[in-house]
Amino acid sequence: MTPRRGEVWLLDLGMAEKVRPALIVSVAYGDHDRALITVIPHTTSLRGSHYEISVPVPFLKPGAFLVQNVATYPVVRAVRKLGAVRGEQLDIITAGMLRWLGC
């Protein structure tokens, strides 16, 4: 199963960041593209930052999506799908990411 935009997957982010939930924000890649996904990790260690976007989802512990930590990983790092955010939730998170990027 290939991760899709708006889905939350358990993702292996490497030794320093461990395995944690992450929201897929990239669009689907094609046959000639690299098998990469861009994600925003979810954290339960909140600091009160404007870039911690809290949207309630029933399959995650209370926390926020950390839009300051947008990153791209090979799709093989995706462990398993946890669920998906609703369209309006994805819009809120995307708006936070764009604020962080200065768009």
C-alpha atoms as a PDB file:
ATOM      1  CA  MET A   1       0.000   0.000   0.000  1.00  0.00           C
ATOM      2  CA  THR A   2       1.397   3.401  -0.985  1.00  0.00           C
ATOM      3  CA  PRO A   3       0.922   6.339   1.409  1.00  0.00           C
ATOM      4  CA  ARG A   4      -1.397   9.053   0.087  1.00  0.00           C
ATOM      5  CA  ARG A   5      -1.780  12.759   0.841  1.00  0.00           C
ATOM      6  CA  GLY A   6      -3.852  13.282   3.992  1.00  0.00           C
ATOM      7  CA  GLU A   7      -3.071   9.889   5.501  1.00  0.00           C
ATOM      8  CA  VAL A   8      -1.222   9.468   8.780  1.00  0.00           C
ATOM      9  CA  TRP A   9       1.356   6.702   8.796  1.00  0.00           C
ATOM     10  CA  LEU A  10       3.694   5.311  11.390  1.00  0.00           C
ATOM     11  CA  LEU A  11       7.042   6.316   9.896  1.00  0.00           C
ATOM     12  CA  ASP A  12      10.622   5.388  10.732  1.00  0.00           C
ATOM     13  CA  LEU A  13      12.254   8.824  11.001  1.00  0.00           C
ATOM     14  CA  GLY A  14      15.676   7.463  11.929  1.00  0.00           C
ATOM     15  CA  MET A  15      17.565   6.910  15.154  1.00  0.00           C
ATOM     16  CA  ALA A  16      17.303  10.464  16.527  1.00  0.00           C
ATOM     17  CA  GLU A  17      13.580  10.853  15.949  1.00  0.00           C
ATOM     18  CA  LYS A  18      12.460   7.209  16.190  1.00  0.00           C
ATOM     19  CA  VAL A  19       9.253   5.742  14.782  1.00  0.00           C
ATOM     20  CA  ARG A  20       6.328   8.146  15.093  1.00  0.00           C
ATOM     21  CA  PRO A  21       3.093   9.142  13.364  1.00  0.00           C
ATOM     22  CA  ALA A  22       3.489  11.474  10.394  1.00  0.00           C
ATOM     23  CA  LEU A  23       1.037  13.141   8.026  1.00  0.00           C
ATOM     24  CA  ILE A  24       1.669  12.640   4.317  1.00  0.00           C
ATOM     25  CA  VAL A  25       1.560  16.055   2.585  1.00  0.00           C
ATOM     26  CA  SER A  26       3.074  15.195  -0.803  1.00  0.00           C
ATOM     27  CA  VAL A  27       1.085  14.191  -3.852  1.00  0.00           C
ATOM     28  CA  ALA A  28       1.337  10.760  -5.453  1.00  0.00           C
ATOM     29  CA  TYR A  29       4.538  10.047  -7.338  1.00  0.00           C
ATOM     30  CA  GLY A  30       4.608   8.517 -10.813  1.00  0.00           C
ATOM     31  CA  ASP A  31       6.428   5.555 -12.321  1.00  0.00           C
ATOM     32  CA  HIS A  32       9.416   7.694 -13.384  1.00  0.00           C
ATOM     33  CA  ASP A  33       9.646   9.623 -10.104  1.00  0.00           C
ATOM     34  CA  ARG A  34      11.625   8.750  -7.025  1.00  0.00           C
ATOM     35  CA  ALA A  35       9.620   6.815  -4.422  1.00  0.00           C
ATOM     36  CA  LEU A  36       9.645   9.631  -1.852  1.00  0.00           C
ATOM     37  CA  ILE A  37       7.030  11.052   0.516  1.00  0.00           C
ATOM     38  CA  THR A  38       7.010  14.405   2.271  1.00  0.00           C
ATOM     39  CA  VAL A  39       5.644  14.327   5.793  1.00  0.00           C
ATOM     40  CA  ILE A  40       4.885  16.398   8.876  1.00  0.00           C
ATOM     41  CA  PRO A  41       5.539  14.468  12.089  1.00  0.00           C
ATOM     42  CA  HIS A  42       3.073  14.363  14.988  1.00  0.00           C
ATOM     43  CA  THR A  43       4.367  15.103  18.483  1.00  0.00           C
ATOM     44  CA  THR A  44       2.950  14.854  21.986  1.00  0.00           C
ATOM     45  CA  SER A  45       5.799  16.966  23.441  1.00  0.00           C
ATOM     46  CA  LEU A  46       4.303  20.405  22.951  1.00  0.00           C
ATOM     47  CA  ARG A  47       6.168  23.690  23.511  1.00  0.00           C
ATOM     48  CA  GLY A  48       3.408  26.177  22.723  1.00  0.00           C
ATOM     49  CA  SER A  49       4.804  27.117  19.300  1.00  0.00           C
ATOM     50  CA  HIS A  50       2.641  28.706  16.597  1.00  0.00           C
ATOM     51  CA  TYR A  51       3.962  25.959  14.354  1.00  0.00           C
ATOM     52  CA  GLU A  52       2.446  23.125  16.383  1.00  0.00           C
ATOM     53  CA  ILE A  53      -0.869  22.564  14.608  1.00  0.00           C
ATOM     54  CA  SER A  54      -3.314  20.722  16.827  1.00  0.00           C
ATOM     55  CA  VAL A  55      -6.168  18.917  15.114  1.00  0.00           C
ATOM     56  CA  PRO A  56      -7.997  16.179  16.997  1.00  0.00           C
ATOM     57  CA  VAL A  57      -7.880  12.755  15.374  1.00  0.00           C
ATOM     58  CA  PRO A  58      -9.263   9.706  17.186  1.00  0.00           C
ATOM     59  CA  PHE A  59      -6.367   7.379  16.358  1.00  0.00           C
ATOM     60  CA  LEU A  60      -3.596   9.620  17.812  1.00  0.00           C
ATOM     61  CA  LYS A  61      -2.735  10.709  21.344  1.00  0.00           C
ATOM     62  CA  PRO A  62      -3.391  14.415  22.037  1.00  0.00           C
ATOM     63  CA  GLY A  63      -0.628  16.473  20.446  1.00  0.00           C
ATOM     64  CA  ALA A  64       0.092  18.436  17.296  1.00  0.00           C
ATOM     65  CA  PHE A  65       1.612  18.246  13.838  1.00  0.00           C
ATOM     66  CA  LEU A  66       4.981  19.996  13.874  1.00  0.00           C
ATOM     67  CA  VAL A  67       5.028  21.985  10.620  1.00  0.00           C
ATOM     68  CA  GLN A  68       8.574  23.233  11.336  1.00  0.00           C
ATOM     69  CA  ASN A  69       9.779  19.696  10.739  1.00  0.00           C
ATOM     70  CA  VAL A  70       8.638  19.083   7.157  1.00  0.00           C
ATOM     71  CA  ALA A  71      10.858  16.347   5.724  1.00  0.00           C
ATOM     72  CA  THR A  72      11.091  13.949   2.797  1.00  0.00           C
ATOM     73  CA  TYR A  73      11.838  10.244   3.196  1.00  0.00           C
ATOM     74  CA  PRO A  74      11.924   7.138   0.992  1.00  0.00           C
ATOM     75  CA  VAL A  75       8.514   5.458   0.980  1.00  0.00           C
ATOM     76  CA  VAL A  76      10.078   2.292   2.420  1.00  0.00           C
ATOM     77  CA  ARG A  77      10.244   4.128   5.775  1.00  0.00           C
ATOM     78  CA  ALA A  78       6.428   4.016   5.995  1.00  0.00           C
ATOM     79  CA  VAL A  79       5.587   1.214   8.429  1.00  0.00           C
ATOM     80  CA  ARG A  80       1.780   1.150   8.473  1.00  0.00           C
ATOM     81  CA  LYS A  81      -1.227   3.369   7.931  1.00  0.00           C
ATOM     82  CA  LEU A  82      -2.902   4.676  11.100  1.00  0.00           C
ATOM     83  CA  GLY A  83      -5.757   6.637   9.522  1.00  0.00           C
ATOM     84  CA  ALA A  84      -6.438   9.882   7.697  1.00  0.00           C
ATOM     85  CA  VAL A  85      -7.283  13.478   8.537  1.00  0.00           C
ATOM     86  CA  ARG A  86     -10.403  15.138   7.147  1.00  0.00           C
ATOM     87  CA  GLY A  87     -10.112  17.631   4.286  1.00  0.00           C
ATOM     88  CA  GLU A  88     -10.628  20.686   6.490  1.00  0.00           C
ATOM     89  CA  GLN A  89      -7.995  19.390   8.953  1.00  0.00           C
ATOM     90  CA  LEU A  90      -5.506  18.928   6.115  1.00  0.00           C
ATOM     91  CA  ASP A  91      -6.244  22.513   5.012  1.00  0.00           C
ATOM     92  CA  ILE A  92      -5.473  23.846   8.527  1.00  0.00           C
ATOM     93  CA  ILE A  93      -2.202  21.905   8.712  1.00  0.00           C
ATOM     94  CA  THR A  94      -1.206  22.936   5.180  1.00  0.00           C
ATOM     95  CA  ALA A  95      -1.894  26.600   6.007  1.00  0.00           C
ATOM     96  CA  GLY A  96       0.410  26.289   9.039  1.00  0.00           C
ATOM     97  CA  MET A  97       3.110  24.706   6.880  1.00  0.00           C
ATOM     98  CA  LEU A  98       2.835  27.502   4.319  1.00  0.00           C
ATOM     99  CA  ARG A  99       3.126  30.110   7.115  1.00  0.00           C
ATOM    100  CA  TRP A 100       6.317  28.418   8.283  1.00  0.00           C
ATOM    101  CA  LEU A 101       7.685  28.420   4.714  1.00  0.00           C
ATOM    102  CA  GLY A 102       6.779  32.088   4.236  1.00  0.00           C
ATOM    103  CA  CYS A 103       4.349  31.446   1.386  1.00  0.00           C
END
